[in-house]
Amino acid sequence: MNSNEGLKLVINNIKRIRQARGLTKKQVAEKVRLDYSNYCRLENHQISNPRFATLILIAESLEVNWEEIFENCH
């Protein structure tokens, strides 16, 4: 698996978890203190190099361990 495929899986996991929790993109963006449009770009795979720290903050805002958003990325 290359890095682009891995990132796509991570973003898809984030989106799946967010939806399962019943949260909107705007709610997560606010929790992470990320601009809403940037969060949307992230979920739409338009950001190719998100910071690891940002992904960890998103996991925390979704109330999951960071490992869960990286599930199946090996």
N, C-alpha and C. Protein backbone atom coordinates (compact mmCIF):
# COMPACT_ATOMS: atom_id res chain seq x y z
N MET A 1 0.85 -1.17 0.00
CA MET A 1 0.00 0.00 0.00
C MET A 1 0.89 1.23 0.00
N ASN A 2 0.60 2.17 -0.89
CA ASN A 2 1.39 3.40 -0.90
C ASN A 2 0.77 4.43 0.05
N SER A 3 1.45 5.54 0.24
CA SER A 3 1.01 6.53 1.21
C SER A 3 -0.33 7.16 0.84
N ASN A 4 -0.58 7.32 -0.46
CA ASN A 4 -1.87 7.89 -0.88
C ASN A 4 -3.03 6.97 -0.53
N GLU A 5 -2.84 5.67 -0.72
CA GLU A 5 -3.88 4.70 -0.38
C GLU A 5 -4.09 4.67 1.14
N GLY A 6 -2.99 4.73 1.88
CA GLY A 6 -3.08 4.75 3.34
C GLY A 6 -3.83 5.97 3.85
N LEU A 7 -3.52 7.14 3.29
CA LEU A 7 -4.20 8.36 3.69
C LEU A 7 -5.69 8.28 3.36
N LYS A 8 -6.01 7.72 2.20
CA LYS A 8 -7.41 7.59 1.83
C LYS A 8 -8.15 6.72 2.84
N LEU A 9 -7.53 5.63 3.29
CA LEU A 9 -8.15 4.78 4.31
C LEU A 9 -8.35 5.53 5.62
N VAL A 10 -7.35 6.30 6.03
CA VAL A 10 -7.46 7.07 7.27
C VAL A 10 -8.62 8.05 7.18
N ILE A 11 -8.71 8.78 6.10
CA ILE A 11 -9.78 9.76 5.94
C ILE A 11 -11.14 9.07 5.89
N ASN A 12 -11.21 7.94 5.20
CA ASN A 12 -12.47 7.19 5.16
C ASN A 12 -12.86 6.69 6.55
N ASN A 13 -11.88 6.27 7.35
CA ASN A 13 -12.16 5.86 8.72
C ASN A 13 -12.69 7.02 9.54
N ILE A 14 -12.07 8.18 9.39
CA ILE A 14 -12.53 9.38 10.11
C ILE A 14 -13.97 9.68 9.74
N LYS A 15 -14.26 9.68 8.46
CA LYS A 15 -15.62 9.99 8.00
C LYS A 15 -16.63 8.96 8.52
N ARG A 16 -16.26 7.69 8.47
CA ARG A 16 -17.15 6.62 8.95
C ARG A 16 -17.44 6.78 10.44
N ILE A 17 -16.40 7.04 11.21
CA ILE A 17 -16.57 7.20 12.66
C ILE A 17 -17.39 8.45 12.96
N ARG A 18 -17.10 9.53 12.26
CA ARG A 18 -17.86 10.78 12.48
C ARG A 18 -19.34 10.55 12.23
N GLN A 19 -19.66 9.89 11.13
CA GLN A 19 -21.06 9.65 10.80
C GLN A 19 -21.72 8.70 11.81
N ALA A 20 -20.98 7.68 12.25
CA ALA A 20 -21.51 6.74 13.23
C ALA A 20 -21.81 7.44 14.56
N ARG A 21 -21.04 8.47 14.88
CA ARG A 21 -21.25 9.23 16.11
C ARG A 21 -22.35 10.29 15.94
N GLY A 22 -22.84 10.46 14.71
CA GLY A 22 -23.89 11.44 14.46
C GLY A 22 -23.40 12.87 14.48
N LEU A 23 -22.12 13.06 14.19
CA LEU A 23 -21.55 14.40 14.19
C LEU A 23 -21.47 14.96 12.77
N THR A 24 -21.62 16.25 12.68
CA THR A 24 -21.47 16.91 11.38
C THR A 24 -20.00 17.29 11.18
N LYS A 25 -19.66 17.59 9.95
CA LYS A 25 -18.31 18.06 9.65
C LYS A 25 -18.02 19.33 10.44
N LYS A 26 -19.02 20.20 10.52
CA LYS A 26 -18.85 21.46 11.22
C LYS A 26 -18.56 21.25 12.70
N GLN A 27 -19.24 20.29 13.32
CA GLN A 27 -19.02 20.01 14.74
C GLN A 27 -17.59 19.54 14.99
N VAL A 28 -17.11 18.64 14.14
CA VAL A 28 -15.75 18.13 14.31
C VAL A 28 -14.75 19.25 14.08
N ALA A 29 -14.96 20.03 13.02
CA ALA A 29 -14.05 21.14 12.72
C ALA A 29 -13.96 22.10 13.91
N GLU A 30 -15.09 22.40 14.53
CA GLU A 30 -15.09 23.29 15.68
C GLU A 30 -14.35 22.68 16.86
N LYS A 31 -14.55 21.39 17.12
CA LYS A 31 -13.86 20.73 18.23
C LYS A 31 -12.35 20.75 18.04
N VAL A 32 -11.91 20.62 16.78
CA VAL A 32 -10.48 20.56 16.47
C VAL A 32 -9.91 21.95 16.26
N ARG A 33 -10.80 22.95 16.20
CA ARG A 33 -10.41 24.34 15.91
C ARG A 33 -9.75 24.44 14.54
N LEU A 34 -10.40 23.77 13.60
CA LEU A 34 -9.96 23.77 12.21
C LEU A 34 -11.00 24.53 11.40
N ASP A 35 -10.56 25.29 10.45
CA ASP A 35 -11.50 25.99 9.57
C ASP A 35 -12.39 24.95 8.90
N TYR A 36 -13.70 25.21 8.88
CA TYR A 36 -14.66 24.26 8.32
C TYR A 36 -14.32 23.88 6.88
N SER A 37 -13.95 24.86 6.08
CA SER A 37 -13.65 24.55 4.67
C SER A 37 -12.43 23.64 4.56
N ASN A 38 -11.44 23.82 5.44
CA ASN A 38 -10.28 22.94 5.43
C ASN A 38 -10.65 21.53 5.87
N TYR A 39 -11.53 21.42 6.85
CA TYR A 39 -11.97 20.10 7.27
C TYR A 39 -12.71 19.40 6.13
N CYS A 40 -13.55 20.13 5.44
CA CYS A 40 -14.27 19.56 4.29
C CYS A 40 -13.28 19.11 3.22
N ARG A 41 -12.28 19.91 2.95
CA ARG A 41 -11.25 19.53 1.97
C ARG A 41 -10.54 18.26 2.40
N LEU A 42 -10.29 18.12 3.69
CA LEU A 42 -9.64 16.91 4.20
C LEU A 42 -10.53 15.69 3.94
N GLU A 43 -11.80 15.76 4.32
CA GLU A 43 -12.70 14.62 4.13
C GLU A 43 -12.96 14.33 2.66
N ASN A 44 -12.80 15.31 1.81
CA ASN A 44 -13.00 15.12 0.37
C ASN A 44 -11.71 14.75 -0.35
N HIS A 45 -10.69 14.38 0.43
CA HIS A 45 -9.40 13.93 -0.13
C HIS A 45 -8.72 15.00 -0.98
N GLN A 46 -8.90 16.26 -0.61
CA GLN A 46 -8.27 17.35 -1.35
C GLN A 46 -7.04 17.90 -0.64
N ILE A 47 -6.69 17.32 0.50
CA ILE A 47 -5.47 17.69 1.21
C ILE A 47 -4.59 16.44 1.21
N SER A 48 -3.44 16.56 0.60
CA SER A 48 -2.61 15.38 0.40
C SER A 48 -1.60 15.14 1.52
N ASN A 49 -1.43 16.09 2.41
CA ASN A 49 -0.43 15.91 3.47
C ASN A 49 -0.89 16.54 4.80
N PRO A 50 -1.97 16.01 5.38
CA PRO A 50 -2.40 16.58 6.66
C PRO A 50 -1.36 16.30 7.74
N ARG A 51 -1.27 17.18 8.69
CA ARG A 51 -0.33 16.99 9.79
C ARG A 51 -0.81 15.84 10.68
N PHE A 52 0.13 15.04 11.14
CA PHE A 52 -0.19 13.93 12.04
C PHE A 52 -0.92 14.45 13.27
N ALA A 53 -0.46 15.57 13.80
CA ALA A 53 -1.09 16.16 14.99
C ALA A 53 -2.55 16.49 14.74
N THR A 54 -2.88 16.94 13.54
CA THR A 54 -4.26 17.24 13.21
C THR A 54 -5.10 15.98 13.21
N LEU A 55 -4.56 14.90 12.64
CA LEU A 55 -5.28 13.63 12.62
C LEU A 55 -5.52 13.11 14.05
N ILE A 56 -4.54 13.30 14.92
CA ILE A 56 -4.69 12.89 16.31
C ILE A 56 -5.77 13.72 17.01
N LEU A 57 -5.79 15.02 16.75
CA LEU A 57 -6.83 15.88 17.33
C LEU A 57 -8.21 15.47 16.84
N ILE A 58 -8.31 15.09 15.58
CA ILE A 58 -9.59 14.64 15.04
C ILE A 58 -10.02 13.36 15.75
N ALA A 59 -9.09 12.42 15.93
CA ALA A 59 -9.41 11.18 16.65
C ALA A 59 -9.91 11.50 18.05
N GLU A 60 -9.23 12.41 18.74
CA GLU A 60 -9.65 12.80 20.09
C GLU A 60 -11.04 13.43 20.08
N SER A 61 -11.31 14.25 19.07
CA SER A 61 -12.63 14.89 18.99
C SER A 61 -13.74 13.87 18.72
N LEU A 62 -13.37 12.76 18.08
CA LEU A 62 -14.33 11.68 17.82
C LEU A 62 -14.40 10.69 18.98
N GLU A 63 -13.56 10.95 20.00
CA GLU A 63 -13.50 10.12 21.20
C GLU A 63 -13.12 8.67 20.89
N VAL A 64 -12.09 8.52 20.04
CA VAL A 64 -11.53 7.20 19.72
C VAL A 64 -10.02 7.28 19.87
N ASN A 65 -9.40 6.12 20.06
CA ASN A 65 -7.94 6.05 20.09
C ASN A 65 -7.42 6.33 18.69
N TRP A 66 -6.26 6.92 18.60
CA TRP A 66 -5.71 7.25 17.28
C TRP A 66 -5.54 5.99 16.44
N GLU A 67 -5.32 4.84 17.07
CA GLU A 67 -5.16 3.59 16.32
C GLU A 67 -6.39 3.27 15.49
N GLU A 68 -7.56 3.67 15.99
CA GLU A 68 -8.80 3.35 15.29
C GLU A 68 -8.89 4.07 13.94
N ILE A 69 -8.40 5.28 13.86
CA ILE A 69 -8.48 5.97 12.56
C ILE A 69 -7.44 5.44 11.58
N PHE A 70 -6.41 4.75 12.12
CA PHE A 70 -5.39 4.16 11.26
C PHE A 70 -5.65 2.67 11.00
N GLU A 71 -6.83 2.21 11.36
CA GLU A 71 -7.20 0.81 11.19
C GLU A 71 -7.11 0.40 9.72
N ASN A 72 -6.54 -0.78 9.48
CA ASN A 72 -6.36 -1.37 8.13
C ASN A 72 -5.36 -0.62 7.26
N CYS A 73 -4.51 0.18 7.86
CA CYS A 73 -3.52 0.94 7.09
C CYS A 73 -2.12 0.32 7.26
N HIS A 74 -2.02 -0.94 7.07
CA HIS A 74 -0.73 -1.60 7.20
C HIS A 74 -0.38 -2.38 5.98
